[in-house]
């Protein structure tokens, strides 16, 4: 289960979408946490005390503050930086997948940008249409596995 803390800058619709889509996400709003007016370092301390990953739209200032926070020897459950222009549905899908596929402790002392994946290489030509069923036993050797495929590589930013 992901234990998340939304800071004041985060779009509140993201919390609502996550709560509707998954019961494996525990998302505490800034309002319920009463964290309005805290500095970035105070916010990081609060998230650590509550053992929650901080989720924020503050992509410009928080990374430097996070580095300073860790350099002081403090522990952090992690920070998710959400680019404000990223569609809520995309962020929600990623958070739901992360909550079901990974332990929240895997993000400890890490800062992650969402979206964090980008396309590095795509096929040079679209694949040719393939029949859904093989025409005859003679064509069995003519499968997709016999033709070289251009790999699709996804890598961290």
Protein backbone atom coordinates (compact mmCIF):
# COMPACT_ATOMS: atom_id res chain seq x y z
CA UNK A 1 0.00 0.00 0.00
CA UNK A 2 1.28 3.44 -0.91
CA UNK A 3 1.07 5.96 1.90
CA UNK A 4 1.08 9.39 0.25
CA UNK A 5 0.98 12.98 1.45
CA UNK A 6 -0.25 15.69 -0.91
CA UNK A 7 1.36 19.06 -0.45
CA UNK A 8 -0.57 22.30 -0.87
CA UNK A 9 0.50 22.70 -4.52
CA UNK A 10 -0.96 19.37 -5.64
CA UNK A 11 -4.13 19.34 -7.73
CA UNK A 12 -6.85 18.03 -5.41
CA UNK A 13 -8.52 16.14 -8.28
CA UNK A 14 -5.58 13.72 -8.23
CA UNK A 15 -6.46 12.64 -4.68
CA UNK A 16 -10.07 12.09 -5.64
CA UNK A 17 -9.11 10.07 -8.73
CA UNK A 18 -6.73 7.85 -6.75
CA UNK A 19 -9.30 7.20 -4.03
CA UNK A 20 -11.88 6.21 -6.66
CA UNK A 21 -9.54 3.88 -8.56
CA UNK A 22 -7.71 2.08 -5.78
CA UNK A 23 -8.07 0.99 -2.21
CA UNK A 24 -4.31 0.30 -2.02
CA UNK A 25 -3.47 4.01 -1.87
CA UNK A 26 -3.67 5.92 1.40
CA UNK A 27 -3.58 9.56 0.24
CA UNK A 28 -3.60 12.24 2.95
CA UNK A 29 -4.54 15.71 1.75
CA UNK A 30 -2.68 18.85 2.78
CA UNK A 31 -5.87 20.17 4.31
CA UNK A 32 -6.44 17.11 6.54
CA UNK A 33 -2.74 17.02 7.47
CA UNK A 34 -2.85 20.76 8.31
CA UNK A 35 0.46 21.44 6.58
CA UNK A 36 -0.41 24.76 4.96
CA UNK A 37 2.35 27.31 5.58
CA UNK A 38 5.14 24.81 6.31
CA UNK A 39 8.53 25.36 4.69
CA UNK A 40 9.82 22.69 2.32
CA UNK A 41 12.16 21.26 4.95
CA UNK A 42 9.37 21.21 7.54
CA UNK A 43 7.15 19.49 5.01
CA UNK A 44 9.79 16.83 4.34
CA UNK A 45 10.19 16.27 8.10
CA UNK A 46 6.42 15.95 8.49
CA UNK A 47 6.22 13.40 5.64
CA UNK A 48 9.05 11.40 7.25
CA UNK A 49 7.37 11.47 10.67
CA UNK A 50 4.11 10.26 9.11
CA UNK A 51 6.02 7.71 6.97
CA UNK A 52 4.37 9.03 3.79
CA UNK A 53 5.75 9.71 0.33
CA UNK A 54 5.37 13.40 -0.46
CA UNK A 55 3.55 14.12 -3.74
CA UNK A 56 3.96 17.63 -5.13
CA UNK A 57 3.77 19.83 -8.21
CA UNK A 58 6.70 21.90 -6.86
CA UNK A 59 9.22 20.65 -9.43
CA UNK A 60 11.55 23.66 -9.27
CA UNK A 61 12.40 24.13 -5.58
CA UNK A 62 11.75 20.80 -3.87
CA UNK A 63 14.55 18.76 -5.51
CA UNK A 64 17.23 21.03 -4.03
CA UNK A 65 15.47 21.04 -0.66
CA UNK A 66 15.22 17.24 -0.77
CA UNK A 67 18.97 16.95 -1.43
CA UNK A 68 19.66 19.27 1.52
CA UNK A 69 17.24 17.27 3.68
CA UNK A 70 19.01 13.97 2.94
CA UNK A 71 22.46 15.54 3.35
CA UNK A 72 21.50 16.45 6.92
CA UNK A 73 21.22 12.72 7.63
CA UNK A 74 17.42 12.65 7.67
CA UNK A 75 15.30 9.76 6.37
CA UNK A 76 12.61 10.23 3.72
CA UNK A 77 9.96 7.77 2.50
CA UNK A 78 10.45 9.50 -0.89
CA UNK A 79 9.11 12.28 -3.05
CA UNK A 80 7.05 12.08 -6.23
CA UNK A 81 7.34 15.20 -8.39
CA UNK A 82 4.29 15.46 -10.62
CA UNK A 83 4.61 17.78 -13.60
CA UNK A 84 1.53 20.04 -13.53
CA UNK A 85 0.77 19.49 -17.24
CA UNK A 86 0.65 15.69 -16.84
CA UNK A 87 -2.94 14.46 -17.24
CA UNK A 88 -4.49 13.37 -13.95
CA UNK A 89 -5.53 10.05 -15.50
CA UNK A 90 -1.90 9.26 -16.37
CA UNK A 91 -0.61 10.08 -12.89
CA UNK A 92 -3.46 8.14 -11.28
CA UNK A 93 -2.76 5.09 -13.45
CA UNK A 94 0.91 5.19 -12.55
CA UNK A 95 0.23 5.56 -8.81
CA UNK A 96 -2.30 2.71 -8.85
CA UNK A 97 0.16 0.47 -10.69
CA UNK A 98 2.99 1.41 -8.31
CA UNK A 99 0.81 0.74 -5.29
CA UNK A 100 -0.12 -2.72 -6.52
CA UNK A 101 3.26 -3.74 -7.92
CA UNK A 102 5.75 -2.40 -5.39
CA UNK A 103 6.25 -1.87 -1.69
CA UNK A 104 6.19 1.78 -0.73
CA UNK A 105 9.54 1.32 1.05
CA UNK A 106 11.20 0.91 -2.35
CA UNK A 107 10.98 4.70 -2.82
CA UNK A 108 12.90 5.47 0.40
CA UNK A 109 15.30 8.42 0.06
CA UNK A 110 14.46 8.77 -3.64
CA UNK A 111 12.88 11.52 -5.65
CA UNK A 112 10.98 10.52 -8.75
CA UNK A 113 9.53 12.57 -11.58
CA UNK A 114 6.11 11.58 -12.89
CA UNK A 115 5.91 10.93 -15.78
CA UNK A 116 9.31 9.31 -15.41
CA UNK A 117 9.41 7.22 -18.56
CA UNK A 118 10.10 8.43 -22.05
CA UNK A 119 10.31 6.74 -25.37
CA UNK A 120 13.89 6.37 -26.59
CA UNK A 121 13.49 4.30 -29.75
CA UNK A 122 10.48 3.41 -31.82
CA UNK A 123 10.14 1.14 -34.85
CA UNK A 124 11.19 2.92 -38.04
CA UNK A 125 8.17 1.62 -39.94
CA UNK A 126 4.79 0.56 -38.67
CA UNK A 127 4.43 -3.23 -38.64
CA UNK A 128 2.64 -4.77 -41.57
CA UNK A 129 -0.88 -6.06 -40.88
CA UNK A 130 -0.94 -9.71 -39.89
CA UNK A 131 -3.80 -12.18 -40.28
CA UNK A 132 -5.37 -13.20 -37.00
CA UNK A 133 -5.31 -16.90 -37.94
CA UNK A 134 -2.72 -18.84 -39.89
CA UNK A 135 -3.92 -19.70 -43.41
CA UNK A 136 -2.39 -23.16 -43.60
CA UNK A 137 0.14 -25.40 -41.85
CA UNK A 138 2.71 -24.36 -44.48
CA UNK A 139 2.60 -20.82 -43.12
CA UNK A 140 3.34 -21.85 -39.53
CA UNK A 141 7.03 -21.07 -40.00
CA UNK A 142 6.05 -17.59 -41.12
CA UNK A 143 5.33 -16.26 -37.64
CA UNK A 144 6.11 -12.96 -36.01
CA UNK A 145 9.05 -14.59 -34.23
CA UNK A 146 10.89 -15.28 -37.52
CA UNK A 147 10.94 -11.61 -38.51
CA UNK A 148 13.45 -9.31 -36.75
CA UNK A 149 11.67 -6.78 -34.57
CA UNK A 150 12.88 -3.30 -33.70
CA UNK A 151 12.97 -3.11 -29.90
CA UNK A 152 10.96 -0.54 -28.03
CA UNK A 153 13.21 0.82 -25.30
CA UNK A 154 11.85 2.69 -22.33
CA UNK A 155 14.32 4.30 -20.00
CA UNK A 156 14.33 6.66 -17.01
CA UNK A 157 14.63 10.36 -17.76
